[in-house]
């Protein structure tokens, strides 16, 4: 049996810092520990999204799957990074792929349970939405920059 996730553990992570104890307690109860192995895919483009992750150790590559050939790496994430927001936004499917680059550990959060709680407790939901929307904005801008650098389409900046 794995060690339970604690409020203190979450409060020490910048993404969760400042959340009320009740929110941290709920999130901790909705999380489980998971080991990842090199090349393990955490999620694939267009699959159902019902979770998100906090990276504890190791590295995860966020990728765009290619029609042919290897995927394009958009970003490499390390410890402390939050991964996945598609569980929060209809149609609840992944838009990218995430693959472990090395042995590591993550906290896996039950997005379906957290989404239901967010709808019932709108204060909690709004606070999470603010945090995830900031994350989405930064990640999408980074993805745009990586794709432009890789593909260099004429006339785009």
Protein backbone atom coordinates (compact mmCIF):
# COMPACT_ATOMS: atom_id res chain seq x y z
CA UNK A 1 0.00 0.00 0.00
CA UNK A 2 1.31 3.43 -0.89
CA UNK A 3 1.66 6.34 1.47
CA UNK A 4 -1.33 8.73 1.31
CA UNK A 5 -0.92 12.18 -0.21
CA UNK A 6 -1.04 14.91 2.45
CA UNK A 7 -2.24 18.51 2.60
CA UNK A 8 1.25 19.57 3.68
CA UNK A 9 2.81 17.91 0.65
CA UNK A 10 0.47 19.81 -1.68
CA UNK A 11 0.80 23.14 0.15
CA UNK A 12 4.56 23.01 -0.47
CA UNK A 13 3.98 23.04 -4.25
CA UNK A 14 3.68 26.48 -5.85
CA UNK A 15 0.60 25.52 -7.91
CA UNK A 16 -1.37 24.71 -4.75
CA UNK A 17 0.18 27.32 -2.44
CA UNK A 18 -2.36 29.52 -0.71
CA UNK A 19 -5.34 27.21 -1.15
CA UNK A 20 -7.49 26.80 1.96
CA UNK A 21 -6.94 23.72 4.09
CA UNK A 22 -10.31 22.29 3.05
CA UNK A 23 -9.34 22.51 -0.62
CA UNK A 24 -5.93 20.95 0.01
CA UNK A 25 -7.53 18.17 2.02
CA UNK A 26 -10.00 17.40 -0.79
CA UNK A 27 -7.25 17.46 -3.43
CA UNK A 28 -4.99 15.22 -1.33
CA UNK A 29 -7.83 12.72 -0.92
CA UNK A 30 -8.34 12.79 -4.71
CA UNK A 31 -4.70 11.99 -5.47
CA UNK A 32 -2.69 8.80 -5.62
CA UNK A 33 0.98 8.07 -6.10
CA UNK A 34 2.13 6.52 -9.34
CA UNK A 35 5.49 5.39 -10.68
CA UNK A 36 6.31 6.02 -14.34
CA UNK A 37 8.86 4.25 -16.49
CA UNK A 38 10.85 5.52 -19.50
CA UNK A 39 8.71 5.79 -22.66
CA UNK A 40 5.49 5.21 -20.70
CA UNK A 41 2.67 7.30 -22.17
CA UNK A 42 0.57 9.01 -19.50
CA UNK A 43 -2.03 10.13 -22.01
CA UNK A 44 -2.56 10.23 -25.78
CA UNK A 45 -4.12 12.82 -28.06
CA UNK A 46 -7.92 12.45 -28.35
CA UNK A 47 -8.25 9.91 -25.49
CA UNK A 48 -10.67 10.67 -22.66
CA UNK A 49 -9.17 13.10 -20.13
CA UNK A 50 -10.17 12.44 -16.53
CA UNK A 51 -7.05 13.22 -14.50
CA UNK A 52 -4.08 15.53 -14.06
CA UNK A 53 -0.62 15.10 -12.63
CA UNK A 54 1.93 16.71 -10.37
CA UNK A 55 5.44 15.59 -11.32
CA UNK A 56 7.44 14.58 -8.25
CA UNK A 57 10.56 13.12 -9.88
CA UNK A 58 11.74 12.43 -13.41
CA UNK A 59 10.90 14.22 -16.64
CA UNK A 60 7.84 14.18 -18.88
CA UNK A 61 7.77 15.21 -22.53
CA UNK A 62 4.66 17.00 -23.79
CA UNK A 63 4.34 16.18 -27.47
CA UNK A 64 2.26 16.64 -30.60
CA UNK A 65 1.72 13.31 -32.29
CA UNK A 66 2.85 13.28 -35.91
CA UNK A 67 0.95 11.68 -38.78
CA UNK A 68 4.24 10.17 -39.80
CA UNK A 69 7.51 9.92 -37.93
CA UNK A 70 8.37 10.84 -34.35
CA UNK A 71 6.24 13.26 -32.32
CA UNK A 72 7.27 16.90 -31.93
CA UNK A 73 8.38 17.65 -28.39
CA UNK A 74 6.76 20.88 -27.24
CA UNK A 75 8.05 20.98 -23.72
CA UNK A 76 10.00 18.96 -21.20
CA UNK A 77 8.61 19.14 -17.67
CA UNK A 78 10.36 18.30 -14.42
CA UNK A 79 9.59 18.03 -10.72
CA UNK A 80 6.94 20.45 -9.45
CA UNK A 81 5.21 20.80 -12.83
CA UNK A 82 1.47 20.30 -13.23
CA UNK A 83 0.50 18.31 -16.30
CA UNK A 84 -2.93 18.12 -17.90
CA UNK A 85 -5.91 20.44 -18.03
CA UNK A 86 -8.19 18.68 -20.52
CA UNK A 87 -10.16 17.06 -17.67
CA UNK A 88 -11.48 20.57 -16.91
CA UNK A 89 -12.79 21.60 -20.33
CA UNK A 90 -15.39 19.89 -22.55
CA UNK A 91 -15.17 17.66 -24.52
CA UNK A 92 -12.74 16.25 -21.90
CA UNK A 93 -10.23 14.79 -24.36
CA UNK A 94 -6.47 15.20 -24.43
CA UNK A 95 -5.04 17.63 -26.97
CA UNK A 96 -1.42 16.53 -26.66
CA UNK A 97 0.52 13.44 -25.64
CA UNK A 98 2.62 13.05 -22.49
CA UNK A 99 5.46 10.55 -22.28
CA UNK A 100 7.90 9.78 -19.48
CA UNK A 101 11.52 10.31 -20.48
CA UNK A 102 12.97 8.69 -17.38
CA UNK A 103 11.95 6.76 -14.29
CA UNK A 104 9.90 9.01 -12.09
CA UNK A 105 6.97 9.50 -9.80
CA UNK A 106 3.81 11.54 -10.12
CA UNK A 107 0.75 12.34 -8.09
CA UNK A 108 -2.26 11.43 -10.21
CA UNK A 109 -5.41 13.42 -9.42
CA UNK A 110 -8.93 12.14 -10.12
CA UNK A 111 -10.14 14.89 -12.43
CA UNK A 112 -13.72 13.60 -12.65
CA UNK A 113 -14.14 13.78 -8.87
CA UNK A 114 -12.46 17.19 -8.70
CA UNK A 115 -14.60 18.52 -11.55
CA UNK A 116 -17.81 17.40 -9.83
CA UNK A 117 -16.65 19.05 -6.59
CA UNK A 118 -15.73 22.22 -8.53
CA UNK A 119 -19.26 22.45 -9.90
CA UNK A 120 -20.79 21.91 -6.45
CA UNK A 121 -18.40 24.32 -4.69
CA UNK A 122 -17.98 27.18 -7.15
CA UNK A 123 -15.46 29.01 -4.94
CA UNK A 124 -13.19 25.97 -5.05
CA UNK A 125 -13.84 25.54 -8.78
CA UNK A 126 -13.11 29.18 -9.58
CA UNK A 127 -9.82 29.08 -7.69
CA UNK A 128 -8.72 25.98 -9.60
CA UNK A 129 -9.88 27.45 -12.90
CA UNK A 130 -7.77 30.57 -12.33
CA UNK A 131 -4.71 28.45 -11.65
CA UNK A 132 -5.26 26.13 -14.60
CA UNK A 133 -6.09 28.96 -17.03
CA UNK A 134 -2.77 30.64 -16.24
CA UNK A 135 -1.02 27.33 -16.80
CA UNK A 136 -2.86 26.82 -20.09
CA UNK A 137 -1.93 30.26 -21.34
CA UNK A 138 1.76 29.75 -20.63
CA UNK A 139 1.85 26.23 -22.08
CA UNK A 140 -0.04 27.16 -25.27
CA UNK A 141 2.28 30.10 -25.89
CA UNK A 142 5.29 27.83 -25.39
CA UNK A 143 3.74 25.25 -27.75
CA UNK A 144 3.17 27.93 -30.41
CA UNK A 145 6.79 29.07 -30.13
CA UNK A 146 8.10 25.50 -30.42
CA UNK A 147 5.95 24.73 -33.45
CA UNK A 148 6.98 27.95 -35.19
CA UNK A 149 10.65 27.22 -34.52
CA UNK A 150 10.34 23.66 -35.80
CA UNK A 151 8.16 24.17 -38.85
CA UNK A 152 9.05 27.81 -39.72
CA UNK A 153 5.93 28.54 -41.76
CA UNK A 154 6.44 31.52 -44.09
CA UNK A 155 4.67 34.70 -43.05
CA UNK A 156 4.10 33.72 -39.40
CA UNK A 157 5.82 35.07 -36.30
